[in-house]
Amino acid sequence: MSAARSYVGAVTDTVRLVGAKGSDQRDRVLAAAIDAIAERGPDRVTVRDIASRAGISPSHVLYYFGRRDRILIETLRWSEEELTTRRRAELGRLRSPWRGVRRFIEPYLPVDAVDTRWNLWNQVIARPPTDPDTLALVAALEQEWVDDLARLVAAGVDDGSFTSVEPAPFALQARLLMDGVASDVVLGLPERSTKWGVGLVTRTFAAQLGVHRI
């Protein structure tokens, strides 16, 4: 299974990214980590797996990241930053706030039960970091989504497309809703597909924002 097949969230073409960032070996290691995690899962991937794909020794991998759990955190950050760049570029081209909100939903949710990005998040949840800097990083990655959705909602309230709601509280509650939906999808529960999740979240948002045609 390749990273491109396993998820649509963050890095969907590691070969392209390695080529684009080939002068930075650290980025090559992160791209290799995405591939290795997509194939073996974040709980089973080893430093040797990553080193083999990056074409360097395990000691060089540890030189950049210090320990295995730090590789997972940095891979999550790298993939989230990649996704944020692409998401903002796409949303910036949309003129309708509701179209922006709808387009926001699908990249947030996992593509299936083996979604790499979401399984990275689940590893963080299962083994939460204890140092303040890493906790702040995780909070900042989540806040990027909240801030982007809040801007879309604020634009819709301002132009009369949406019911008057408080954008920031709405966006936070929306993220928590999508997290719950994502958990069902990643667990592989019966009839809990990405399509189901997108539909449920879209209808919920429409009702809350006063949108009648979805």
N, C-alpha and C. Protein backbone atom coordinates (compact mmCIF):
# COMPACT_ATOMS: atom_id res chain seq x y z
N MET A 1 0.86 -1.19 0.00
CA MET A 1 0.00 0.00 0.00
C MET A 1 0.89 1.24 0.00
N SER A 2 0.62 2.17 -0.86
CA SER A 2 1.42 3.39 -0.93
C SER A 2 0.76 4.50 -0.15
N ALA A 3 1.54 5.54 0.15
CA ALA A 3 0.97 6.68 0.87
C ALA A 3 -0.11 7.34 0.05
N ALA A 4 0.07 7.38 -1.28
CA ALA A 4 -0.91 8.03 -2.14
C ALA A 4 -2.24 7.32 -2.09
N ARG A 5 -2.22 5.98 -1.88
CA ARG A 5 -3.45 5.23 -1.88
C ARG A 5 -4.12 5.26 -0.51
N SER A 6 -3.35 5.41 0.54
CA SER A 6 -3.91 5.21 1.86
C SER A 6 -4.64 6.43 2.41
N TYR A 7 -4.32 7.61 1.94
CA TYR A 7 -5.05 8.76 2.47
C TYR A 7 -4.95 9.95 1.54
N VAL A 8 -5.93 10.84 1.68
CA VAL A 8 -5.95 12.04 0.85
C VAL A 8 -5.66 13.28 1.67
N GLY A 9 -5.34 13.09 2.94
CA GLY A 9 -5.22 14.24 3.82
C GLY A 9 -4.00 15.09 3.59
N ALA A 10 -2.82 14.52 3.72
CA ALA A 10 -1.64 15.38 3.75
C ALA A 10 -0.75 15.16 2.54
N VAL A 11 0.19 14.25 2.64
CA VAL A 11 1.15 14.07 1.55
C VAL A 11 0.67 12.93 0.67
N THR A 12 0.21 13.24 -0.52
CA THR A 12 -0.33 12.22 -1.40
C THR A 12 0.63 11.82 -2.50
N ASP A 13 1.77 12.44 -2.55
CA ASP A 13 2.76 12.09 -3.58
C ASP A 13 4.15 12.32 -3.01
N THR A 14 4.65 11.33 -2.26
CA THR A 14 5.94 11.53 -1.59
C THR A 14 7.07 11.61 -2.58
N VAL A 15 6.95 10.96 -3.73
CA VAL A 15 8.01 11.04 -4.73
C VAL A 15 8.16 12.48 -5.21
N ARG A 16 7.03 13.13 -5.48
CA ARG A 16 7.07 14.52 -5.92
C ARG A 16 7.67 15.40 -4.84
N LEU A 17 7.30 15.17 -3.58
CA LEU A 17 7.80 16.01 -2.51
C LEU A 17 9.29 15.81 -2.26
N VAL A 18 9.74 14.56 -2.36
CA VAL A 18 11.16 14.31 -2.19
C VAL A 18 11.95 15.01 -3.29
N GLY A 19 11.42 14.98 -4.51
CA GLY A 19 12.09 15.67 -5.61
C GLY A 19 12.13 17.16 -5.39
N ALA A 20 11.02 17.70 -4.87
CA ALA A 20 10.95 19.14 -4.66
C ALA A 20 11.84 19.60 -3.52
N LYS A 21 12.06 18.72 -2.55
CA LYS A 21 12.81 19.11 -1.37
C LYS A 21 14.07 18.26 -1.22
N GLY A 22 14.57 17.76 -2.33
CA GLY A 22 15.65 16.80 -2.29
C GLY A 22 16.92 17.31 -1.66
N SER A 23 17.11 18.62 -1.60
CA SER A 23 18.33 19.16 -1.01
C SER A 23 18.30 19.11 0.52
N ASP A 24 17.15 18.86 1.09
CA ASP A 24 17.00 18.82 2.53
C ASP A 24 16.80 17.38 2.96
N GLN A 25 17.83 16.78 3.53
CA GLN A 25 17.74 15.36 3.88
C GLN A 25 16.70 15.10 4.96
N ARG A 26 16.50 16.08 5.81
CA ARG A 26 15.47 15.92 6.84
C ARG A 26 14.10 15.74 6.22
N ASP A 27 13.80 16.51 5.18
CA ASP A 27 12.53 16.35 4.49
C ASP A 27 12.45 15.00 3.79
N ARG A 28 13.58 14.52 3.28
CA ARG A 28 13.59 13.20 2.65
C ARG A 28 13.25 12.12 3.69
N VAL A 29 13.77 12.28 4.89
CA VAL A 29 13.46 11.31 5.94
C VAL A 29 11.97 11.36 6.28
N LEU A 30 11.39 12.55 6.35
CA LEU A 30 9.97 12.67 6.66
C LEU A 30 9.11 12.07 5.55
N ALA A 31 9.50 12.30 4.30
CA ALA A 31 8.77 11.69 3.19
C ALA A 31 8.86 10.17 3.26
N ALA A 32 10.05 9.66 3.59
CA ALA A 32 10.22 8.22 3.74
C ALA A 32 9.38 7.69 4.89
N ALA A 33 9.28 8.48 5.97
CA ALA A 33 8.46 8.08 7.11
C ALA A 33 7.00 7.96 6.72
N ILE A 34 6.50 8.90 5.92
CA ILE A 34 5.11 8.82 5.44
C ILE A 34 4.89 7.51 4.70
N ASP A 35 5.80 7.16 3.79
CA ASP A 35 5.68 5.91 3.04
C ASP A 35 5.69 4.70 3.97
N ALA A 36 6.65 4.68 4.90
CA ALA A 36 6.78 3.53 5.80
C ALA A 36 5.57 3.40 6.70
N ILE A 37 5.08 4.52 7.21
CA ILE A 37 3.91 4.49 8.09
C ILE A 37 2.68 4.04 7.32
N ALA A 38 2.55 4.49 6.07
CA ALA A 38 1.41 4.09 5.25
C ALA A 38 1.41 2.59 5.01
N GLU A 39 2.60 2.02 4.86
CA GLU A 39 2.70 0.58 4.57
C GLU A 39 2.56 -0.28 5.82
N ARG A 40 3.20 0.14 6.92
CA ARG A 40 3.27 -0.72 8.10
C ARG A 40 2.37 -0.26 9.25
N GLY A 41 1.94 1.00 9.21
CA GLY A 41 1.16 1.55 10.31
C GLY A 41 2.06 2.22 11.32
N PRO A 42 1.58 3.30 11.96
CA PRO A 42 2.44 4.06 12.87
C PRO A 42 2.86 3.28 14.10
N ASP A 43 2.10 2.26 14.50
CA ASP A 43 2.46 1.49 15.68
C ASP A 43 3.51 0.44 15.40
N ARG A 44 3.72 0.07 14.12
CA ARG A 44 4.66 -0.99 13.78
C ARG A 44 5.90 -0.49 13.06
N VAL A 45 5.87 0.73 12.58
CA VAL A 45 7.00 1.23 11.79
C VAL A 45 8.24 1.35 12.68
N THR A 46 9.40 1.05 12.12
CA THR A 46 10.65 1.12 12.86
C THR A 46 11.56 2.17 12.22
N VAL A 47 12.57 2.56 12.98
CA VAL A 47 13.56 3.50 12.45
C VAL A 47 14.24 2.88 11.24
N ARG A 48 14.48 1.56 11.28
CA ARG A 48 15.13 0.89 10.16
C ARG A 48 14.26 0.96 8.90
N ASP A 49 12.94 0.82 9.05
CA ASP A 49 12.03 0.94 7.90
C ASP A 49 12.19 2.30 7.24
N ILE A 50 12.21 3.33 8.05
CA ILE A 50 12.32 4.69 7.53
C ILE A 50 13.68 4.92 6.89
N ALA A 51 14.72 4.46 7.56
CA ALA A 51 16.08 4.64 7.04
C ALA A 51 16.24 3.96 5.69
N SER A 52 15.67 2.76 5.54
CA SER A 52 15.78 2.04 4.28
C SER A 52 15.15 2.81 3.14
N ARG A 53 14.00 3.39 3.38
CA ARG A 53 13.32 4.15 2.33
C ARG A 53 14.02 5.47 2.03
N ALA A 54 14.65 6.05 3.03
CA ALA A 54 15.36 7.32 2.82
C ALA A 54 16.76 7.12 2.24
N GLY A 55 17.24 5.88 2.25
CA GLY A 55 18.56 5.61 1.71
C GLY A 55 19.69 6.05 2.62
N ILE A 56 19.43 6.06 3.94
CA ILE A 56 20.46 6.45 4.90
C ILE A 56 20.45 5.43 6.03
N SER A 57 21.36 5.57 6.96
CA SER A 57 21.46 4.62 8.06
C SER A 57 20.48 4.99 9.18
N PRO A 58 20.08 4.00 10.00
CA PRO A 58 19.21 4.32 11.14
C PRO A 58 19.81 5.38 12.06
N SER A 59 21.14 5.38 12.21
CA SER A 59 21.76 6.37 13.08
C SER A 59 21.59 7.78 12.54
N HIS A 60 21.56 7.91 11.19
CA HIS A 60 21.33 9.22 10.60
C HIS A 60 19.90 9.69 10.85
N VAL A 61 18.95 8.76 10.79
CA VAL A 61 17.56 9.12 11.10
C VAL A 61 17.48 9.65 12.53
N LEU A 62 18.10 8.96 13.45
CA LEU A 62 18.06 9.38 14.85
C LEU A 62 18.84 10.67 15.07
N TYR A 63 19.81 10.93 14.23
CA TYR A 63 20.55 12.19 14.33
C TYR A 63 19.61 13.38 14.13
N TYR A 64 18.66 13.24 13.19
CA TYR A 64 17.74 14.33 12.91
C TYR A 64 16.62 14.44 13.94
N PHE A 65 16.21 13.30 14.51
CA PHE A 65 14.99 13.33 15.32
C PHE A 65 15.17 12.84 16.75
N GLY A 66 16.27 12.21 17.05
CA GLY A 66 16.54 11.83 18.43
C GLY A 66 15.92 10.52 18.87
N ARG A 67 14.62 10.34 18.63
CA ARG A 67 13.96 9.11 19.06
C ARG A 67 12.76 8.84 18.15
N ARG A 68 12.28 7.60 18.19
CA ARG A 68 11.22 7.18 17.27
C ARG A 68 9.94 7.98 17.45
N ASP A 69 9.51 8.22 18.68
CA ASP A 69 8.24 8.92 18.87
C ASP A 69 8.31 10.35 18.35
N ARG A 70 9.50 10.93 18.36
CA ARG A 70 9.65 12.28 17.81
C ARG A 70 9.49 12.27 16.29
N ILE A 71 9.91 11.17 15.65
CA ILE A 71 9.72 11.05 14.21
C ILE A 71 8.22 11.10 13.88
N LEU A 72 7.42 10.39 14.66
CA LEU A 72 5.98 10.37 14.40
C LEU A 72 5.36 11.76 14.57
N ILE A 73 5.78 12.48 15.61
CA ILE A 73 5.25 13.83 15.83
C ILE A 73 5.66 14.75 14.68
N GLU A 74 6.92 14.68 14.27
CA GLU A 74 7.40 15.55 13.20
C GLU A 74 6.77 15.18 11.87
N THR A 75 6.53 13.90 11.66
CA THR A 75 5.84 13.48 10.43
C THR A 75 4.42 14.01 10.40
N LEU A 76 3.75 13.95 11.54
CA LEU A 76 2.40 14.50 11.63
C LEU A 76 2.42 15.99 11.35
N ARG A 77 3.36 16.71 11.94
CA ARG A 77 3.44 18.15 11.70
C ARG A 77 3.71 18.44 10.23
N TRP A 78 4.64 17.72 9.64
CA TRP A 78 5.00 17.94 8.24
C TRP A 78 3.80 17.71 7.33
N SER A 79 3.09 16.62 7.57
CA SER A 79 1.93 16.31 6.73
C SER A 79 0.81 17.32 6.93
N GLU A 80 0.59 17.77 8.18
CA GLU A 80 -0.45 18.76 8.43
C GLU A 80 -0.10 20.10 7.77
N GLU A 81 1.16 20.48 7.83
CA GLU A 81 1.55 21.74 7.19
C GLU A 81 1.38 21.66 5.68
N GLU A 82 1.69 20.50 5.10
CA GLU A 82 1.50 20.31 3.66
C GLU A 82 0.03 20.43 3.30
N LEU A 83 -0.81 19.80 4.11
CA LEU A 83 -2.25 19.85 3.86
C LEU A 83 -2.80 21.26 4.05
N THR A 84 -2.32 21.96 5.07
CA THR A 84 -2.78 23.33 5.32
C THR A 84 -2.48 24.23 4.12
N THR A 85 -1.29 24.10 3.56
CA THR A 85 -0.92 24.91 2.39
C THR A 85 -1.87 24.64 1.23
N ARG A 86 -2.12 23.37 0.96
CA ARG A 86 -3.00 23.03 -0.17
C ARG A 86 -4.44 23.43 0.10
N ARG A 87 -4.88 23.22 1.35
CA ARG A 87 -6.27 23.57 1.70
C ARG A 87 -6.51 25.06 1.54
N ARG A 88 -5.61 25.87 2.05
CA ARG A 88 -5.81 27.31 1.98
C ARG A 88 -5.75 27.83 0.55
N ALA A 89 -4.90 27.22 -0.26
CA ALA A 89 -4.84 27.63 -1.66
C ALA A 89 -6.16 27.33 -2.37
N GLU A 90 -6.72 26.15 -2.10
CA GLU A 90 -7.98 25.79 -2.74
C GLU A 90 -9.13 26.64 -2.22
N LEU A 91 -9.23 26.79 -0.92
CA LEU A 91 -10.33 27.57 -0.36
C LEU A 91 -10.26 29.03 -0.78
N GLY A 92 -9.05 29.53 -0.99
CA GLY A 92 -8.89 30.91 -1.42
C GLY A 92 -9.45 31.18 -2.80
N ARG A 93 -9.62 30.11 -3.59
CA ARG A 93 -10.15 30.28 -4.95
C ARG A 93 -11.68 30.23 -4.99
N LEU A 94 -12.30 29.84 -3.89
CA LEU A 94 -13.75 29.71 -3.86
C LEU A 94 -14.39 31.01 -3.41
N ARG A 95 -15.42 31.43 -4.11
CA ARG A 95 -16.07 32.69 -3.78
C ARG A 95 -17.30 32.52 -2.89
N SER A 96 -17.84 31.33 -2.83
CA SER A 96 -19.02 31.08 -2.02
C SER A 96 -18.60 30.53 -0.66
N PRO A 97 -18.98 31.19 0.44
CA PRO A 97 -18.63 30.66 1.77
C PRO A 97 -19.15 29.24 2.00
N TRP A 98 -20.36 28.95 1.52
CA TRP A 98 -20.89 27.60 1.73
C TRP A 98 -20.10 26.57 0.93
N ARG A 99 -19.71 26.88 -0.28
CA ARG A 99 -18.87 25.96 -1.03
C ARG A 99 -17.55 25.74 -0.31
N GLY A 100 -17.03 26.79 0.30
CA GLY A 100 -15.80 26.64 1.07
C GLY A 100 -15.98 25.72 2.26
N VAL A 101 -17.09 25.90 2.99
CA VAL A 101 -17.36 25.04 4.14
C VAL A 101 -17.51 23.59 3.70
N ARG A 102 -18.25 23.37 2.62
CA ARG A 102 -18.41 22.00 2.13
C ARG A 102 -17.09 21.39 1.72
N ARG A 103 -16.25 22.18 1.05
CA ARG A 103 -14.96 21.66 0.58
C ARG A 103 -14.01 21.43 1.76
N PHE A 104 -14.24 22.10 2.85
CA PHE A 104 -13.41 21.97 4.04
C PHE A 104 -13.56 20.59 4.69
N ILE A 105 -14.75 20.01 4.57
CA ILE A 105 -15.09 18.81 5.35
C ILE A 105 -14.31 17.58 4.91
N GLU A 106 -14.31 17.27 3.63
CA GLU A 106 -13.75 15.99 3.18
C GLU A 106 -12.27 15.81 3.51
N PRO A 107 -11.41 16.83 3.29
CA PRO A 107 -10.00 16.62 3.64
C PRO A 107 -9.76 16.41 5.13
N TYR A 108 -10.69 16.90 5.95
CA TYR A 108 -10.52 16.70 7.40
C TYR A 108 -10.76 15.25 7.78
N LEU A 109 -11.74 14.63 7.18
CA LEU A 109 -12.13 13.28 7.58
C LEU A 109 -11.20 12.23 6.97
N PRO A 110 -11.06 11.07 7.64
CA PRO A 110 -10.22 10.00 7.08
C PRO A 110 -10.86 9.40 5.84
N VAL A 111 -10.01 8.94 4.92
CA VAL A 111 -10.52 8.35 3.70
C VAL A 111 -11.04 6.94 3.95
N ASP A 112 -10.48 6.26 4.95
CA ASP A 112 -10.93 4.91 5.32
C ASP A 112 -10.28 4.53 6.64
N ALA A 113 -10.43 3.27 7.03
CA ALA A 113 -9.93 2.82 8.33
C ALA A 113 -8.41 2.78 8.41
N VAL A 114 -7.72 2.82 7.28
CA VAL A 114 -6.25 2.77 7.31
C VAL A 114 -5.65 4.11 6.90
N ASP A 115 -6.41 5.16 7.05
CA ASP A 115 -5.93 6.50 6.72
C ASP A 115 -4.67 6.82 7.53
N THR A 116 -3.59 7.12 6.84
CA THR A 116 -2.30 7.32 7.51
C THR A 116 -2.31 8.52 8.44
N ARG A 117 -2.81 9.63 7.96
CA ARG A 117 -2.81 10.84 8.78
C ARG A 117 -3.60 10.62 10.06
N TRP A 118 -4.77 10.02 9.97
CA TRP A 118 -5.58 9.82 11.15
C TRP A 118 -4.99 8.78 12.08
N ASN A 119 -4.31 7.79 11.54
CA ASN A 119 -3.65 6.82 12.42
C ASN A 119 -2.46 7.43 13.14
N LEU A 120 -1.82 8.42 12.52
CA LEU A 120 -0.80 9.17 13.24
C LEU A 120 -1.43 9.94 14.41
N TRP A 121 -2.54 10.58 14.14
CA TRP A 121 -3.23 11.29 15.22
C TRP A 121 -3.64 10.31 16.34
N ASN A 122 -4.10 9.13 15.97
CA ASN A 122 -4.50 8.16 16.99
C ASN A 122 -3.32 7.72 17.85
N GLN A 123 -2.13 7.65 17.25
CA GLN A 123 -0.94 7.33 18.04
C GLN A 123 -0.65 8.42 19.06
N VAL A 124 -0.85 9.66 18.66
CA VAL A 124 -0.65 10.78 19.59
C VAL A 124 -1.66 10.71 20.73
N ILE A 125 -2.90 10.37 20.39
CA ILE A 125 -3.95 10.27 21.41
C ILE A 125 -3.68 9.09 22.35
N ALA A 126 -3.24 7.96 21.77
CA ALA A 126 -2.99 6.77 22.57
C ALA A 126 -1.79 6.95 23.51
N ARG A 127 -0.79 7.70 23.02
CA ARG A 127 0.41 7.95 23.83
C ARG A 127 0.67 9.45 23.87
N PRO A 128 -0.14 10.18 24.59
CA PRO A 128 -0.05 11.64 24.56
C PRO A 128 1.30 12.15 25.03
N PRO A 129 1.82 13.16 24.35
CA PRO A 129 3.09 13.74 24.77
C PRO A 129 2.94 14.40 26.14
N THR A 130 4.03 14.45 26.85
CA THR A 130 3.99 15.04 28.19
C THR A 130 4.76 16.35 28.29
N ASP A 131 5.61 16.63 27.31
CA ASP A 131 6.36 17.88 27.40
C ASP A 131 5.54 19.04 26.84
N PRO A 132 5.64 20.21 27.45
CA PRO A 132 4.81 21.35 27.06
C PRO A 132 4.98 21.77 25.60
N ASP A 133 6.20 21.70 25.08
CA ASP A 133 6.43 22.14 23.70
C ASP A 133 5.67 21.27 22.71
N THR A 134 5.69 19.96 22.92
CA THR A 134 4.99 19.05 22.00
C THR A 134 3.48 19.21 22.14
N LEU A 135 3.00 19.37 23.36
CA LEU A 135 1.57 19.61 23.56
C LEU A 135 1.13 20.90 22.87
N ALA A 136 1.96 21.92 22.93
CA ALA A 136 1.65 23.19 22.26
C ALA A 136 1.62 22.99 20.76
N LEU A 137 2.53 22.17 20.22
CA LEU A 137 2.55 21.88 18.79
C LEU A 137 1.27 21.19 18.37
N VAL A 138 0.87 20.17 19.11
CA VAL A 138 -0.36 19.44 18.79
C VAL A 138 -1.57 20.38 18.83
N ALA A 139 -1.64 21.23 19.84
CA ALA A 139 -2.74 22.18 19.93
C ALA A 139 -2.74 23.14 18.75
N ALA A 140 -1.57 23.57 18.32
CA ALA A 140 -1.47 24.50 17.20
C ALA A 140 -1.93 23.84 15.90
N LEU A 141 -1.59 22.56 15.71
CA LEU A 141 -2.02 21.86 14.50
C LEU A 141 -3.55 21.77 14.45
N GLU A 142 -4.16 21.50 15.58
CA GLU A 142 -5.63 21.44 15.62
C GLU A 142 -6.23 22.83 15.40
N GLN A 143 -5.59 23.84 15.97
CA GLN A 143 -6.13 25.19 15.88
C GLN A 143 -6.12 25.72 14.45
N GLU A 144 -5.19 25.25 13.63
CA GLU A 144 -5.16 25.68 12.22
C GLU A 144 -6.49 25.37 11.54
N TRP A 145 -7.03 24.20 11.80
CA TRP A 145 -8.32 23.82 11.21
C TRP A 145 -9.44 24.71 11.74
N VAL A 146 -9.44 24.93 13.04
CA VAL A 146 -10.48 25.76 13.65
C VAL A 146 -10.44 27.17 13.07
N ASP A 147 -9.26 27.73 12.96
CA ASP A 147 -9.13 29.10 12.46
C ASP A 147 -9.60 29.21 11.01
N ASP A 148 -9.24 28.23 10.18
CA ASP A 148 -9.64 28.28 8.78
C ASP A 148 -11.15 28.19 8.63
N LEU A 149 -11.77 27.30 9.41
CA LEU A 149 -13.23 27.17 9.33
C LEU A 149 -13.90 28.42 9.88
N ALA A 150 -13.37 28.98 10.94
CA ALA A 150 -13.96 30.20 11.51
C ALA A 150 -13.94 31.34 10.50
N ARG A 151 -12.86 31.44 9.71
CA ARG A 151 -12.80 32.50 8.68
C ARG A 151 -13.87 32.29 7.62
N LEU A 152 -14.09 31.05 7.22
CA LEU A 152 -15.13 30.77 6.23
C LEU A 152 -16.51 31.14 6.78
N VAL A 153 -16.76 30.76 8.02
CA VAL A 153 -18.06 31.05 8.63
C VAL A 153 -18.25 32.56 8.81
N ALA A 154 -17.20 33.24 9.23
CA ALA A 154 -17.30 34.70 9.39
C ALA A 154 -17.64 35.38 8.07
N ALA A 155 -17.03 34.91 6.99
CA ALA A 155 -17.32 35.49 5.68
C ALA A 155 -18.77 35.26 5.29
N GLY A 156 -19.30 34.07 5.60
CA GLY A 156 -20.69 33.78 5.29
C GLY A 156 -21.67 34.57 6.13
N VAL A 157 -21.34 34.79 7.39
CA VAL A 157 -22.19 35.63 8.26
C VAL A 157 -22.17 37.07 7.75
N ASP A 158 -21.01 37.55 7.38
CA ASP A 158 -20.88 38.94 6.93
C ASP A 158 -21.68 39.21 5.66
N ASP A 159 -21.69 38.23 4.72
CA ASP A 159 -22.40 38.49 3.46
C ASP A 159 -23.84 37.98 3.47
N GLY A 160 -24.30 37.51 4.61
CA GLY A 160 -25.69 37.08 4.73
C GLY A 160 -25.97 35.67 4.27
N SER A 161 -24.93 34.91 3.91
CA SER A 161 -25.13 33.53 3.47
C SER A 161 -25.51 32.62 4.63
N PHE A 162 -25.05 32.95 5.84
CA PHE A 162 -25.27 32.10 6.99
C PHE A 162 -26.07 32.84 8.07
N THR A 163 -26.74 32.04 8.88
CA THR A 163 -27.34 32.56 10.10
C THR A 163 -26.26 33.19 10.97
N SER A 164 -26.65 34.17 11.75
CA SER A 164 -25.67 34.82 12.63
C SER A 164 -25.23 33.85 13.73
N VAL A 165 -24.00 33.39 13.64
CA VAL A 165 -23.41 32.53 14.66
C VAL A 165 -22.05 33.12 15.03
N GLU A 166 -21.54 32.69 16.15
CA GLU A 166 -20.19 33.09 16.55
C GLU A 166 -19.19 32.17 15.85
N PRO A 167 -18.38 32.69 14.93
CA PRO A 167 -17.53 31.81 14.11
C PRO A 167 -16.57 30.93 14.90
N ALA A 168 -15.90 31.48 15.90
CA ALA A 168 -14.89 30.69 16.62
C ALA A 168 -15.51 29.54 17.41
N PRO A 169 -16.55 29.78 18.23
CA PRO A 169 -17.18 28.65 18.93
C PRO A 169 -17.78 27.63 17.96
N PHE A 170 -18.39 28.12 16.87
CA PHE A 170 -18.93 27.19 15.88
C PHE A 170 -17.82 26.30 15.33
N ALA A 171 -16.69 26.89 14.97
CA ALA A 171 -15.60 26.13 14.36
C ALA A 171 -15.02 25.11 15.33
N LEU A 172 -14.90 25.46 16.59
CA LEU A 172 -14.38 24.51 17.58
C LEU A 172 -15.34 23.34 17.74
N GLN A 173 -16.63 23.63 17.87
CA GLN A 173 -17.61 22.56 18.01
C GLN A 173 -17.64 21.70 16.75
N ALA A 174 -17.47 22.33 15.61
CA ALA A 174 -17.44 21.59 14.35
C ALA A 174 -16.26 20.63 14.31
N ARG A 175 -15.10 21.09 14.76
CA ARG A 175 -13.94 20.20 14.77
C ARG A 175 -14.17 19.01 15.69
N LEU A 176 -14.77 19.25 16.84
CA LEU A 176 -15.04 18.16 17.76
C LEU A 176 -16.04 17.17 17.17
N LEU A 177 -17.04 17.68 16.45
CA LEU A 177 -17.98 16.80 15.76
C LEU A 177 -17.25 15.94 14.73
N MET A 178 -16.41 16.58 13.92
CA MET A 178 -15.69 15.84 12.89
C MET A 178 -14.72 14.82 13.48
N ASP A 179 -14.15 15.14 14.65
CA ASP A 179 -13.29 14.16 15.32
C ASP A 179 -14.07 12.91 15.70
N GLY A 180 -15.27 13.10 16.20
CA GLY A 180 -16.10 11.95 16.55
C GLY A 180 -16.48 11.12 15.34
N VAL A 181 -16.84 11.78 14.26
CA VAL A 181 -17.16 11.08 13.01
C VAL A 181 -15.93 10.33 12.52
N ALA A 182 -14.78 10.99 12.56
CA ALA A 182 -13.54 10.36 12.10
C ALA A 182 -13.23 9.10 12.90
N SER A 183 -13.48 9.12 14.19
CA SER A 183 -13.21 7.94 15.02
C SER A 183 -14.02 6.74 14.55
N ASP A 184 -15.28 6.96 14.20
CA ASP A 184 -16.11 5.86 13.71
C ASP A 184 -15.57 5.31 12.40
N VAL A 185 -15.12 6.21 11.52
CA VAL A 185 -14.60 5.77 10.22
C VAL A 185 -13.31 4.97 10.41
N VAL A 186 -12.39 5.47 11.24
CA VAL A 186 -11.11 4.79 11.45
C VAL A 186 -11.32 3.44 12.16
N LEU A 187 -12.31 3.37 13.03
CA LEU A 187 -12.61 2.10 13.68
C LEU A 187 -13.20 1.08 12.71
N GLY A 188 -13.67 1.55 11.56
CA GLY A 188 -14.28 0.65 10.58
C GLY A 188 -15.63 0.13 11.00
N LEU A 189 -16.38 0.94 11.76
CA LEU A 189 -17.69 0.51 12.21
C LEU A 189 -18.63 0.30 11.02
N PRO A 190 -19.58 -0.61 11.14
CA PRO A 190 -20.51 -0.88 10.04
C PRO A 190 -21.24 0.39 9.58
N GLU A 191 -21.27 0.59 8.28
CA GLU A 191 -21.98 1.71 7.65
C GLU A 191 -21.41 3.06 8.07
N ARG A 192 -20.18 3.09 8.52
CA ARG A 192 -19.54 4.35 8.91
C ARG A 192 -18.39 4.65 7.94
N SER A 193 -18.77 4.96 6.73
CA SER A 193 -17.79 5.26 5.68
C SER A 193 -17.50 6.76 5.64
N THR A 194 -16.50 7.14 4.87
CA THR A 194 -16.23 8.56 4.69
C THR A 194 -17.43 9.26 4.06
N LYS A 195 -18.08 8.60 3.11
CA LYS A 195 -19.26 9.19 2.47
C LYS A 195 -20.34 9.46 3.50
N TRP A 196 -20.56 8.52 4.40
CA TRP A 196 -21.53 8.72 5.49
C TRP A 196 -21.12 9.93 6.33
N GLY A 197 -19.85 10.00 6.68
CA GLY A 197 -19.37 11.08 7.53
C GLY A 197 -19.52 12.45 6.88
N VAL A 198 -19.14 12.53 5.61
CA VAL A 198 -19.25 13.80 4.89
C VAL A 198 -20.71 14.24 4.84
N GLY A 199 -21.60 13.30 4.57
CA GLY A 199 -23.03 13.63 4.51
C GLY A 199 -23.57 14.10 5.83
N LEU A 200 -23.21 13.40 6.91
CA LEU A 200 -23.70 13.78 8.23
C LEU A 200 -23.20 15.16 8.63
N VAL A 201 -21.92 15.40 8.44
CA VAL A 201 -21.35 16.70 8.83
C VAL A 201 -21.92 17.82 7.96
N THR A 202 -22.07 17.56 6.66
CA THR A 202 -22.60 18.58 5.77
C THR A 202 -24.02 18.98 6.18
N ARG A 203 -24.85 17.99 6.47
CA ARG A 203 -26.23 18.29 6.87
C ARG A 203 -26.27 19.02 8.21
N THR A 204 -25.40 18.64 9.13
CA THR A 204 -25.36 19.30 10.44
C THR A 204 -24.93 20.75 10.30
N PHE A 205 -23.89 20.98 9.52
CA PHE A 205 -23.42 22.35 9.32
C PHE A 205 -24.50 23.19 8.63
N ALA A 206 -25.15 22.61 7.63
CA ALA A 206 -26.18 23.36 6.91
C ALA A 206 -27.30 23.80 7.85
N ALA A 207 -27.72 22.89 8.71
CA ALA A 207 -28.80 23.21 9.66
C ALA A 207 -28.36 24.32 10.62
N GLN A 208 -27.13 24.22 11.10
CA GLN A 208 -26.64 25.20 12.07
C GLN A 208 -26.40 26.58 11.44
N LEU A 209 -26.06 26.58 10.15
CA LEU A 209 -25.76 27.84 9.48
C LEU A 209 -26.94 28.41 8.70
N GLY A 210 -28.07 27.70 8.74
CA GLY A 210 -29.26 28.19 8.04
C GLY A 210 -29.16 28.09 6.54
N VAL A 211 -28.47 27.09 6.05
CA VAL A 211 -28.32 26.87 4.60
C VAL A 211 -29.38 25.83 4.18
N HIS A 212 -30.20 26.15 3.21
CA HIS A 212 -31.30 25.28 2.82
C HIS A 212 -31.00 24.44 1.58
N ARG A 213 -30.07 24.90 0.77
CA ARG A 213 -29.71 24.12 -0.42
C ARG A 213 -28.26 23.66 -0.26
N ILE A 214 -28.08 22.36 -0.10
CA ILE A 214 -26.73 21.84 0.15
C ILE A 214 -26.24 21.00 -1.03
